[in-house]
């Protein structure tokens, strides 16, 4: 075998710049092939382009990234179905810079990562990845996590933040694919045209190991103006994000829980000692049976706090 000479740094940068220019040129051509007479593309076409880049086109995240791109350009948002080439190119820059996540998602992931980095080393242990998923309220169904768990079994060292973000991207892609398959199964259609009945919606949430209570669904519908009988894939994702952001609770229940938490968090540290949790739950009207608190593995699920 012939030994390949090492490339100087300036040559490496030149090759990378040439590659990036070629990718952007391909994207521009793909954009132009999908735009309307006003040189804008619809949201569904934007999802296709994002998928071409290797990112998961999650509806709510993509919509938020569109807003971020418009604000960065100091342009007024023109709606999801009116994306210009200028906003699209800025969107691509944000996708690369933020590992495919929105600014809000990056902040949430960073906060969770630091919470489980108990010794402040900048790494987390392999066996803490699944507890982080539980902490974030993200689907930990074996169908979704199997490939990642197999990769983690081969991981001998701890997980740095950069790899954590890559794993979360891979998890989101698997979760999205799983959700799409469930949506198609229970709607009888595809993502673009299928609709879930309320019964189908409950079934999908059950398969995702998430609880959707009727009163919570009613609140989501009222707050977002969604139809109550039929749900598109985009509407399904809106409901999913509401459930996760509210931990399955109604807004009033979430506020009551937050107030009680603040009452028992006397030091103002943003966390409760494990021994205080049963007392806080009783304050909310939930009674743990004798010995139940001792049997709960608080550390495994929530980092011990």
Protein backbone atom coordinates (compact mmCIF):
# COMPACT_ATOMS: atom_id res chain seq x y z
CA UNK A 1 0.00 0.00 0.00
CA UNK A 2 1.23 3.47 -0.85
CA UNK A 3 1.48 5.84 2.05
CA UNK A 4 -0.74 8.87 1.53
CA UNK A 5 0.94 12.22 2.24
CA UNK A 6 -0.56 14.42 4.94
CA UNK A 7 -2.45 17.43 3.66
CA UNK A 8 -1.41 20.85 4.97
CA UNK A 9 -4.00 22.74 7.02
CA UNK A 10 -4.75 25.30 4.30
CA UNK A 11 -5.43 22.47 1.82
CA UNK A 12 -7.78 20.75 4.29
CA UNK A 13 -9.74 23.98 4.77
CA UNK A 14 -9.86 24.45 1.01
CA UNK A 15 -11.31 20.95 0.51
CA UNK A 16 -13.90 21.53 3.24
CA UNK A 17 -14.88 24.90 1.79
CA UNK A 18 -15.27 23.36 -1.67
CA UNK A 19 -17.44 20.59 -0.22
CA UNK A 20 -19.64 23.07 1.67
CA UNK A 21 -20.07 25.18 -1.46
CA UNK A 22 -21.13 22.10 -3.42
CA UNK A 23 -23.65 21.10 -0.74
CA UNK A 24 -25.12 24.62 -0.65
CA UNK A 25 -25.34 24.67 -4.44
CA UNK A 26 -27.24 21.37 -4.40
CA UNK A 27 -29.58 22.73 -1.73
CA UNK A 28 -30.25 25.89 -3.74
CA UNK A 29 -31.15 23.81 -6.77
CA UNK A 30 -33.40 21.59 -4.63
CA UNK A 31 -35.01 24.72 -3.15
CA UNK A 32 -35.60 26.27 -6.58
CA UNK A 33 -37.18 23.05 -7.79
CA UNK A 34 -39.75 23.21 -4.98
CA UNK A 35 -40.51 26.94 -4.78
CA UNK A 36 -43.66 28.63 -6.07
CA UNK A 37 -44.04 31.65 -8.34
CA UNK A 38 -43.15 33.93 -5.43
CA UNK A 39 -39.88 32.01 -4.93
CA UNK A 40 -41.02 30.58 -1.59
CA UNK A 41 -41.44 26.98 -0.45
CA UNK A 42 -44.15 25.39 1.65
CA UNK A 43 -43.47 23.81 5.03
CA UNK A 44 -43.73 20.23 3.77
CA UNK A 45 -41.07 20.98 1.13
CA UNK A 46 -38.88 22.52 3.83
CA UNK A 47 -39.13 19.27 5.81
CA UNK A 48 -37.93 17.35 2.76
CA UNK A 49 -34.90 19.62 2.37
CA UNK A 50 -34.02 19.34 6.06
CA UNK A 51 -34.21 15.54 5.79
CA UNK A 52 -31.84 15.72 2.80
CA UNK A 53 -29.30 17.38 5.11
CA UNK A 54 -29.51 14.44 7.51
CA UNK A 55 -31.55 16.22 10.19
CA UNK A 56 -34.88 15.03 11.58
CA UNK A 57 -37.69 17.34 10.33
CA UNK A 58 -39.63 17.50 13.60
CA UNK A 59 -42.49 19.97 12.90
CA UNK A 60 -42.43 22.05 16.10
CA UNK A 61 -38.62 22.35 16.11
CA UNK A 62 -38.50 23.31 12.46
CA UNK A 63 -41.15 25.98 12.98
CA UNK A 64 -39.17 27.42 15.90
CA UNK A 65 -35.94 27.37 13.88
CA UNK A 66 -37.71 29.32 11.12
CA UNK A 67 -38.49 32.01 13.68
CA UNK A 68 -34.88 32.03 14.89
CA UNK A 69 -33.63 32.41 11.30
CA UNK A 70 -36.02 35.29 10.59
CA UNK A 71 -35.02 37.08 13.80
CA UNK A 72 -31.32 36.60 13.06
CA UNK A 73 -31.86 38.26 9.69
CA UNK A 74 -34.06 40.92 11.33
CA UNK A 75 -36.85 39.97 8.96
CA UNK A 76 -40.52 39.65 9.73
CA UNK A 77 -41.70 36.05 9.75
CA UNK A 78 -43.82 35.36 6.68
CA UNK A 79 -45.38 32.10 7.85
CA UNK A 80 -44.35 28.47 7.65
CA UNK A 81 -45.50 28.12 4.03
CA UNK A 82 -43.66 31.26 2.85
CA UNK A 83 -39.96 30.45 3.38
CA UNK A 84 -37.56 32.41 1.16
CA UNK A 85 -34.12 31.21 0.04
CA UNK A 86 -32.47 33.77 2.34
CA UNK A 87 -34.29 32.48 5.42
CA UNK A 88 -33.70 28.90 4.33
CA UNK A 89 -29.92 29.38 4.07
CA UNK A 90 -29.87 30.97 7.53
CA UNK A 91 -31.91 28.03 8.80
CA UNK A 92 -29.27 25.64 7.46
CA UNK A 93 -26.55 27.60 9.30
CA UNK A 94 -28.50 27.31 12.55
CA UNK A 95 -29.08 23.58 12.05
CA UNK A 96 -25.34 23.00 11.72
CA UNK A 97 -24.33 25.34 14.55
CA UNK A 98 -26.92 23.93 16.99
CA UNK A 99 -26.60 20.24 16.06
CA UNK A 100 -30.09 20.21 14.60
CA UNK A 101 -31.77 21.59 17.73
CA UNK A 102 -33.51 24.87 18.50
CA UNK A 103 -32.05 27.33 21.01
CA UNK A 104 -34.69 26.26 23.53
CA UNK A 105 -33.87 22.58 23.04
CA UNK A 106 -30.12 23.21 23.36
CA UNK A 107 -30.72 25.01 26.68
CA UNK A 108 -32.90 22.16 27.98
CA UNK A 109 -30.39 19.50 26.95
CA UNK A 110 -27.48 21.45 28.44
CA UNK A 111 -29.34 21.90 31.72
CA UNK A 112 -30.17 18.19 31.94
CA UNK A 113 -26.59 17.22 31.09
CA UNK A 114 -25.15 19.47 33.80
CA UNK A 115 -27.68 18.14 36.31
CA UNK A 116 -26.38 14.60 35.87
CA UNK A 117 -22.74 15.68 35.75
CA UNK A 118 -22.65 15.53 39.53
CA UNK A 119 -18.88 15.94 39.94
CA UNK A 120 -18.58 18.75 37.38
CA UNK A 121 -16.10 16.80 35.24
CA UNK A 122 -17.79 17.75 31.97
CA UNK A 123 -18.79 14.13 31.30
CA UNK A 124 -21.64 11.84 32.36
CA UNK A 125 -21.56 8.11 32.95
CA UNK A 126 -22.94 5.69 30.38
CA UNK A 127 -25.59 4.35 32.78
CA UNK A 128 -26.95 7.88 33.26
CA UNK A 129 -28.12 8.34 29.66
CA UNK A 130 -31.47 6.57 30.08
CA UNK A 131 -32.22 8.40 33.36
CA UNK A 132 -31.69 11.66 31.46
CA UNK A 133 -34.33 10.55 28.96
CA UNK A 134 -36.71 9.90 31.87
CA UNK A 135 -35.84 13.27 33.39
CA UNK A 136 -36.54 15.04 30.09
CA UNK A 137 -39.81 13.14 29.65
CA UNK A 138 -38.60 11.71 26.33
CA UNK A 139 -39.74 8.35 24.98
CA UNK A 140 -37.54 5.54 26.33
CA UNK A 141 -39.39 2.70 24.57
CA UNK A 142 -36.97 -0.16 23.75
CA UNK A 143 -37.98 0.11 20.07
CA UNK A 144 -36.57 3.62 20.10
CA UNK A 145 -33.54 3.22 22.37
CA UNK A 146 -32.29 -0.23 21.28
CA UNK A 147 -29.70 1.00 18.76
CA UNK A 148 -28.39 3.68 21.14
CA UNK A 149 -28.19 1.22 24.03
CA UNK A 150 -26.16 -1.15 21.86
CA UNK A 151 -23.78 1.71 21.04
CA UNK A 152 -23.51 2.66 24.71
CA UNK A 153 -22.66 -0.94 25.66
CA UNK A 154 -19.53 -0.54 23.54
CA UNK A 155 -18.71 2.79 25.17
CA UNK A 156 -15.95 2.20 27.68
CA UNK A 157 -15.51 5.76 28.80
CA UNK A 158 -17.89 8.45 30.01
CA UNK A 159 -19.93 10.57 27.58
CA UNK A 160 -18.75 14.12 26.75
CA UNK A 161 -21.33 16.78 25.91
CA UNK A 162 -20.58 16.69 22.17
CA UNK A 163 -21.35 12.96 22.01
CA UNK A 164 -24.40 13.44 24.23
CA UNK A 165 -25.85 15.86 21.65
CA UNK A 166 -25.11 13.38 18.85
CA UNK A 167 -26.85 10.60 20.79
CA UNK A 168 -29.85 12.85 21.39
CA UNK A 169 -30.03 13.60 17.68
CA UNK A 170 -29.97 9.88 16.93
CA UNK A 171 -32.62 9.25 19.60
CA UNK A 172 -34.88 11.98 18.22
CA UNK A 173 -34.56 10.52 14.71
CA UNK A 174 -35.53 7.06 16.01
CA UNK A 175 -38.40 8.47 18.09
CA UNK A 176 -39.67 10.49 15.13
CA UNK A 177 -39.58 7.43 12.88
CA UNK A 178 -41.44 5.41 15.54
CA UNK A 179 -44.07 8.15 15.92
CA UNK A 180 -44.54 8.40 12.14
CA UNK A 181 -45.07 4.63 11.93
CA UNK A 182 -47.67 4.78 14.74
CA UNK A 183 -49.41 7.74 13.11
CA UNK A 184 -49.66 5.90 9.78
CA UNK A 185 -50.96 2.78 11.52
CA UNK A 186 -53.74 4.50 13.47
CA UNK A 187 -54.65 7.17 10.90
CA UNK A 188 -54.64 4.92 7.87
CA UNK A 189 -52.82 7.61 5.90
CA UNK A 190 -49.43 9.26 5.50
CA UNK A 191 -47.89 12.15 7.43
CA UNK A 192 -48.96 14.73 4.85
CA UNK A 193 -52.63 13.73 4.53
CA UNK A 194 -53.52 11.34 7.38
CA UNK A 195 -55.66 12.32 10.37
CA UNK A 196 -56.08 10.69 13.76
CA UNK A 197 -59.42 10.38 15.50
CA UNK A 198 -59.44 11.15 19.22
CA UNK A 199 -59.44 7.40 19.89
CA UNK A 200 -56.45 6.92 17.59
CA UNK A 201 -54.66 9.76 19.33
CA UNK A 202 -55.06 8.07 22.73
CA UNK A 203 -53.76 4.81 21.22
CA UNK A 204 -50.63 6.49 19.81
CA UNK A 205 -49.85 8.10 23.17
CA UNK A 206 -50.30 4.75 24.89
CA UNK A 207 -47.82 3.15 22.47
CA UNK A 208 -45.38 5.97 23.26
CA UNK A 209 -45.72 5.10 26.97
CA UNK A 210 -47.25 8.51 27.67
CA UNK A 211 -50.49 9.28 29.46
CA UNK A 212 -52.97 11.56 27.72
CA UNK A 213 -55.88 12.44 30.00
CA UNK A 214 -59.12 13.72 28.42
CA UNK A 215 -59.06 16.93 30.48
CA UNK A 216 -55.48 17.65 29.36
CA UNK A 217 -56.40 17.08 25.71
CA UNK A 218 -59.35 19.45 26.10
CA UNK A 219 -57.08 22.15 27.51
CA UNK A 220 -54.58 21.75 24.66
CA UNK A 221 -57.36 21.99 22.09
CA UNK A 222 -58.79 25.11 23.71
CA UNK A 223 -55.42 26.86 24.08
CA UNK A 224 -54.15 26.09 20.58
CA UNK A 225 -57.41 26.19 18.66
CA UNK A 226 -56.95 22.66 17.32
CA UNK A 227 -59.91 20.63 16.09
CA UNK A 228 -61.10 18.13 18.68
CA UNK A 229 -62.21 15.28 16.43
CA UNK A 230 -59.45 14.90 13.82
CA UNK A 231 -55.71 15.50 14.30
CA UNK A 232 -53.06 15.94 11.60
CA UNK A 233 -49.47 14.86 12.24
CA UNK A 234 -48.41 18.45 12.95
CA UNK A 235 -51.24 18.84 15.48
CA UNK A 236 -50.29 15.54 17.06
CA UNK A 237 -46.77 16.90 17.61
CA UNK A 238 -48.15 20.10 19.14
CA UNK A 239 -50.10 18.02 21.65
CA UNK A 240 -47.06 15.83 22.33
CA UNK A 241 -44.91 18.86 23.15
CA UNK A 242 -47.60 20.32 25.41
CA UNK A 243 -47.81 17.03 27.33
CA UNK A 244 -44.05 16.93 27.78
CA UNK A 245 -43.67 20.57 28.75
CA UNK A 246 -46.45 20.16 31.33
CA UNK A 247 -45.42 16.66 32.47
CA UNK A 248 -48.89 15.39 31.56
CA UNK A 249 -50.59 17.94 33.82
CA UNK A 250 -53.09 20.70 33.17
CA UNK A 251 -51.73 24.22 33.52
CA UNK A 252 -53.47 24.71 36.87
CA UNK A 253 -52.09 21.41 38.19
CA UNK A 254 -48.61 22.36 37.01
CA UNK A 255 -48.84 25.72 38.76
CA UNK A 256 -49.99 24.06 42.00
CA UNK A 257 -47.09 21.60 41.83
CA UNK A 258 -44.64 24.46 41.18
CA UNK A 259 -45.99 26.41 44.16
CA UNK A 260 -45.65 23.42 46.50
CA UNK A 261 -42.16 22.69 45.18
CA UNK A 262 -41.11 26.28 45.93
CA UNK A 263 -42.59 25.98 49.43
CA UNK A 264 -40.49 22.90 50.25
CA UNK A 265 -37.39 24.18 48.44
CA UNK A 266 -36.55 26.38 51.41
CA UNK A 267 -32.94 26.92 50.34
CA UNK A 268 -34.02 28.07 46.89
CA UNK A 269 -31.68 25.61 45.15
CA UNK A 270 -34.24 24.40 42.62
CA UNK A 271 -34.26 20.88 44.06
CA UNK A 272 -35.78 18.94 46.94
CA UNK A 273 -34.11 16.48 49.30
CA UNK A 274 -35.55 13.01 48.72
CA UNK A 275 -36.94 12.91 52.27
CA UNK A 276 -39.08 16.00 51.53
CA UNK A 277 -40.81 14.52 48.48
CA UNK A 278 -43.43 12.44 50.38
CA UNK A 279 -44.34 15.52 52.45
CA UNK A 280 -44.70 17.66 49.30
CA UNK A 281 -46.88 14.99 47.69
CA UNK A 282 -49.12 14.82 50.78
CA UNK A 283 -49.46 18.61 50.61
CA UNK A 284 -50.79 18.17 47.08
CA UNK A 285 -53.20 15.50 48.27
CA UNK A 286 -51.26 12.43 47.11
CA UNK A 287 -50.67 9.78 49.74
CA UNK A 288 -47.78 7.33 49.41
CA UNK A 289 -48.40 4.01 51.11
CA UNK A 290 -46.13 3.04 53.96
CA UNK A 291 -42.77 1.94 52.58
CA UNK A 292 -43.45 3.16 49.04
CA UNK A 293 -41.04 6.11 49.24
CA UNK A 294 -38.28 3.79 50.46
CA UNK A 295 -38.81 1.44 47.50
CA UNK A 296 -38.57 4.19 44.85
CA UNK A 297 -35.14 4.44 43.23
CA UNK A 298 -34.96 8.23 43.15
CA UNK A 299 -31.33 8.29 42.03
CA UNK A 300 -31.91 6.09 38.99
CA UNK A 301 -34.82 8.12 37.63
CA UNK A 302 -33.98 11.69 38.52
CA UNK A 303 -30.37 11.93 39.58
CA UNK A 304 -31.18 11.60 43.28
CA UNK A 305 -32.65 15.08 43.66
